[in-house]
Every structure is written in C-alpha cells, then in structure tokens.
Amino acid sequence: MKILGAPGAYKVDWWSPEPGEDWEPVERGEFDDMVEPDEVSHLA
C-alpha cells in the first residue's frame, strides 16, 4: 500500500483483535508448505 502526502501528514492505524479464545496469531511461514488447489489459484 502506498500513501501519498507529506511525511508526517497522515497516521496509519492498524487494527487486529486481541489474541484469545477465538483468534490466535499465526507464525510467519506457517502455511508455506500448503498446496493451493487449482480451483482457487486464480483468486490470489
């Protein structure tokens, strides 16, 4: 994502839920070994 404007003229605020019973963060590369089915490869 690219944000246009003068440096410091904007604020980027990322939101994500707190880790808990319904949501757990994933580790980087956790899904690297998964094979993508041909039926959904065009969606990426």
PDB file of N, CA and C in Angstrom:
ATOM      1  N   MET A   1       0.849  -1.164   0.000  1.00  0.00           N
ATOM      2  CA  MET A   1       0.000   0.000   0.000  1.00  0.00           C
ATOM      3  C   MET A   1       0.897   1.230   0.000  1.00  0.00           C
ATOM      4  N   LYS A   2       0.539   2.203  -0.801  1.00  0.00           N
ATOM      5  CA  LYS A   2       1.302   3.440  -0.851  1.00  0.00           C
ATOM      6  C   LYS A   2       0.384   4.579  -0.425  1.00  0.00           C
ATOM      7  N   ILE A   3       0.868   5.389   0.497  1.00  0.00           N
ATOM      8  CA  ILE A   3       0.094   6.536   0.972  1.00  0.00           C
ATOM      9  C   ILE A   3       0.773   7.785   0.449  1.00  0.00           C
ATOM     10  N   LEU A   4      -0.001   8.626  -0.246  1.00  0.00           N
ATOM     11  CA  LEU A   4       0.548   9.855  -0.805  1.00  0.00           C
ATOM     12  C   LEU A   4       0.342  11.003   0.163  1.00  0.00           C
ATOM     13  N   GLY A   5       1.277  11.919   0.209  1.00  0.00           N
ATOM     14  CA  GLY A   5       1.156  13.085   1.071  1.00  0.00           C
ATOM     15  C   GLY A   5       2.492  13.431   1.691  1.00  0.00           C
ATOM     16  N   ALA A   6       2.498  14.533   2.382  1.00  0.00           N
ATOM     17  CA  ALA A   6       3.724  14.975   3.042  1.00  0.00           C
ATOM     18  C   ALA A   6       4.059  14.038   4.201  1.00  0.00           C
ATOM     19  N   PRO A   7       5.349  13.761   4.419  1.00  0.00           N
ATOM     20  CA  PRO A   7       5.737  12.917   5.550  1.00  0.00           C
ATOM     21  C   PRO A   7       5.195  13.481   6.867  1.00  0.00           C
ATOM     22  N   GLY A   8       4.577  12.615   7.645  1.00  0.00           N
ATOM     23  CA  GLY A   8       4.036  13.038   8.934  1.00  0.00           C
ATOM     24  C   GLY A   8       2.658  13.662   8.853  1.00  0.00           C
ATOM     25  N   ALA A   9       2.096  13.779   7.641  1.00  0.00           N
ATOM     26  CA  ALA A   9       0.785  14.408   7.476  1.00  0.00           C
ATOM     27  C   ALA A   9      -0.351  13.400   7.624  1.00  0.00           C
ATOM     28  N   TYR A  10      -0.033  12.167   7.881  1.00  0.00           N
ATOM     29  CA  TYR A  10      -1.054  11.139   7.991  1.00  0.00           C
ATOM     30  C   TYR A  10      -0.675  10.183   9.110  1.00  0.00           C
ATOM     31  N   LYS A  11      -1.652   9.424   9.555  1.00  0.00           N
ATOM     32  CA  LYS A  11      -1.416   8.423  10.588  1.00  0.00           C
ATOM     33  C   LYS A  11      -1.992   7.102  10.094  1.00  0.00           C
ATOM     34  N   VAL A  12      -1.214   6.058  10.149  1.00  0.00           N
ATOM     35  CA  VAL A  12      -1.686   4.729   9.790  1.00  0.00           C
ATOM     36  C   VAL A  12      -1.949   3.993  11.091  1.00  0.00           C
ATOM     37  N   ASP A  13      -3.171   3.527  11.259  1.00  0.00           N
ATOM     38  CA  ASP A  13      -3.564   2.841  12.484  1.00  0.00           C
ATOM     39  C   ASP A  13      -4.024   1.440  12.117  1.00  0.00           C
ATOM     40  N   TRP A  14      -3.235   0.426  12.468  1.00  0.00           N
ATOM     41  CA  TRP A  14      -3.596  -0.949  12.154  1.00  0.00           C
ATOM     42  C   TRP A  14      -4.399  -1.527  13.312  1.00  0.00           C
ATOM     43  N   TRP A  15      -5.408  -2.297  12.984  1.00  0.00           N
ATOM     44  CA  TRP A  15      -6.252  -2.910  13.993  1.00  0.00           C
ATOM     45  C   TRP A  15      -6.213  -4.414  13.823  1.00  0.00           C
ATOM     46  N   SER A  16      -6.161  -5.102  14.907  1.00  0.00           N
ATOM     47  CA  SER A  16      -6.354  -6.546  14.908  1.00  0.00           C
ATOM     48  C   SER A  16      -6.914  -6.912  16.275  1.00  0.00           C
ATOM     49  N   PRO A  17      -7.696  -7.985  16.311  1.00  0.00           N
ATOM     50  CA  PRO A  17      -8.273  -8.373  17.602  1.00  0.00           C
ATOM     51  C   PRO A  17      -7.192  -8.842  18.567  1.00  0.00           C
ATOM     52  N   GLU A  18      -7.495  -8.761  19.826  1.00  0.00           N
ATOM     53  CA  GLU A  18      -6.589  -9.286  20.846  1.00  0.00           C
ATOM     54  C   GLU A  18      -6.549 -10.809  20.732  1.00  0.00           C
ATOM     55  N   PRO A  19      -5.386 -11.437  20.851  1.00  0.00           N
ATOM     56  CA  PRO A  19      -5.343 -12.900  20.858  1.00  0.00           C
ATOM     57  C   PRO A  19      -6.209 -13.442  21.993  1.00  0.00           C
ATOM     58  N   GLY A  20      -6.923 -14.489  21.700  1.00  0.00           N
ATOM     59  CA  GLY A  20      -7.797 -15.057  22.715  1.00  0.00           C
ATOM     60  C   GLY A  20      -8.381 -16.373  22.239  1.00  0.00           C
ATOM     61  N   GLU A  21      -9.515 -16.716  22.792  1.00  0.00           N
ATOM     62  CA  GLU A  21     -10.145 -17.999  22.509  1.00  0.00           C
ATOM     63  C   GLU A  21     -10.533 -18.145  21.039  1.00  0.00           C
ATOM     64  N   ASP A  22     -10.995 -17.056  20.403  1.00  0.00           N
ATOM     65  CA  ASP A  22     -11.480 -17.128  19.029  1.00  0.00           C
ATOM     66  C   ASP A  22     -10.434 -16.752  17.988  1.00  0.00           C
ATOM     67  N   TRP A  23      -9.297 -16.231  18.413  1.00  0.00           N
ATOM     68  CA  TRP A  23      -8.292 -15.764  17.455  1.00  0.00           C
ATOM     69  C   TRP A  23      -6.905 -15.973  18.019  1.00  0.00           C
ATOM     70  N   GLU A  24      -6.059 -16.609  17.239  1.00  0.00           N
ATOM     71  CA  GLU A  24      -4.664 -16.809  17.625  1.00  0.00           C
ATOM     72  C   GLU A  24      -3.787 -16.364  16.463  1.00  0.00           C
ATOM     73  N   PRO A  25      -2.728 -15.636  16.720  1.00  0.00           N
ATOM     74  CA  PRO A  25      -1.836 -15.227  15.630  1.00  0.00           C
ATOM     75  C   PRO A  25      -1.123 -16.436  15.031  1.00  0.00           C
ATOM     76  N   VAL A  26      -0.797 -16.351  13.742  1.00  0.00           N
ATOM     77  CA  VAL A  26      -0.056 -17.429  13.093  1.00  0.00           C
ATOM     78  C   VAL A  26       1.406 -17.027  12.994  1.00  0.00           C
ATOM     79  N   GLU A  27       2.250 -18.005  12.920  1.00  0.00           N
ATOM     80  CA  GLU A  27       3.685 -17.769  12.785  1.00  0.00           C
ATOM     81  C   GLU A  27       4.011 -17.504  11.321  1.00  0.00           C
ATOM     82  N   ARG A  28       4.998 -16.659  11.075  1.00  0.00           N
ATOM     83  CA  ARG A  28       5.433 -16.388   9.702  1.00  0.00           C
ATOM     84  C   ARG A  28       5.895 -17.700   9.071  1.00  0.00           C
ATOM     85  N   GLY A  29       5.383 -17.985   7.874  1.00  0.00           N
ATOM     86  CA  GLY A  29       5.761 -19.199   7.161  1.00  0.00           C
ATOM     87  C   GLY A  29       4.984 -20.429   7.573  1.00  0.00           C
ATOM     88  N   GLU A  30       4.003 -20.280   8.459  1.00  0.00           N
ATOM     89  CA  GLU A  30       3.265 -21.437   8.972  1.00  0.00           C
ATOM     90  C   GLU A  30       2.543 -22.199   7.859  1.00  0.00           C
ATOM     91  N   PHE A  31       2.122 -21.507   6.799  1.00  0.00           N
ATOM     92  CA  PHE A  31       1.358 -22.149   5.730  1.00  0.00           C
ATOM     93  C   PHE A  31       2.166 -22.293   4.442  1.00  0.00           C
ATOM     94  N   ASP A  32       3.481 -22.125   4.507  1.00  0.00           N
ATOM     95  CA  ASP A  32       4.322 -22.201   3.314  1.00  0.00           C
ATOM     96  C   ASP A  32       4.284 -23.569   2.637  1.00  0.00           C
ATOM     97  N   ASP A  33       4.034 -24.628   3.390  1.00  0.00           N
ATOM     98  CA  ASP A  33       4.054 -25.968   2.813  1.00  0.00           C
ATOM     99  C   ASP A  33       2.695 -26.412   2.273  1.00  0.00           C
ATOM    100  N   MET A  34       1.693 -25.546   2.314  1.00  0.00           N
ATOM    101  CA  MET A  34       0.361 -25.905   1.826  1.00  0.00           C
ATOM    102  C   MET A  34       0.317 -25.810   0.303  1.00  0.00           C
ATOM    103  N   VAL A  35      -0.417 -26.728  -0.318  1.00  0.00           N
ATOM    104  CA  VAL A  35      -0.582 -26.734  -1.768  1.00  0.00           C
ATOM    105  C   VAL A  35      -1.918 -26.077  -2.090  1.00  0.00           C
ATOM    106  N   GLU A  36      -1.891 -25.117  -3.002  1.00  0.00           N
ATOM    107  CA  GLU A  36      -3.108 -24.393  -3.374  1.00  0.00           C
ATOM    108  C   GLU A  36      -3.844 -25.165  -4.467  1.00  0.00           C
ATOM    109  N   PRO A  37      -5.137 -25.474  -4.266  1.00  0.00           N
ATOM    110  CA  PRO A  37      -5.899 -26.187  -5.297  1.00  0.00           C
ATOM    111  C   PRO A  37      -6.024 -25.328  -6.563  1.00  0.00           C
ATOM    112  N   ASP A  38      -6.065 -25.980  -7.732  1.00  0.00           N
ATOM    113  CA  ASP A  38      -6.197 -25.253  -8.998  1.00  0.00           C
ATOM    114  C   ASP A  38      -7.480 -24.437  -9.060  1.00  0.00           C
ATOM    115  N   GLU A  39      -8.534 -24.870  -8.362  1.00  0.00           N
ATOM    116  CA  GLU A  39      -9.826 -24.181  -8.413  1.00  0.00           C
ATOM    117  C   GLU A  39      -9.757 -22.773  -7.828  1.00  0.00           C
ATOM    118  N   VAL A  40      -8.798 -22.522  -6.938  1.00  0.00           N
ATOM    119  CA  VAL A  40      -8.726 -21.210  -6.290  1.00  0.00           C
ATOM    120  C   VAL A  40      -7.455 -20.440  -6.637  1.00  0.00           C
ATOM    121  N   SER A  41      -6.593 -21.003  -7.463  1.00  0.00           N
ATOM    122  CA  SER A  41      -5.319 -20.340  -7.747  1.00  0.00           C
ATOM    123  C   SER A  41      -5.506 -19.002  -8.452  1.00  0.00           C
ATOM    124  N   HIS A  42      -6.602 -18.821  -9.178  1.00  0.00           N
ATOM    125  CA  HIS A  42      -6.847 -17.562  -9.892  1.00  0.00           C
ATOM    126  C   HIS A  42      -7.341 -16.453  -8.958  1.00  0.00           C
ATOM    127  N   LEU A  43      -7.674 -16.764  -7.719  1.00  0.00           N
ATOM    128  CA  LEU A  43      -8.221 -15.767  -6.792  1.00  0.00           C
ATOM    129  C   LEU A  43      -7.139 -14.923  -6.137  1.00  0.00           C
ATOM    130  N   ALA A  44      -5.929 -15.375  -6.148  1.00  0.00           N
ATOM    131  CA  ALA A  44      -4.847 -14.642  -5.470  1.00  0.00           C
ATOM    132  C   ALA A  44      -4.395 -13.434  -6.264  1.00  0.00           C
TER     133      ALA A  44
END
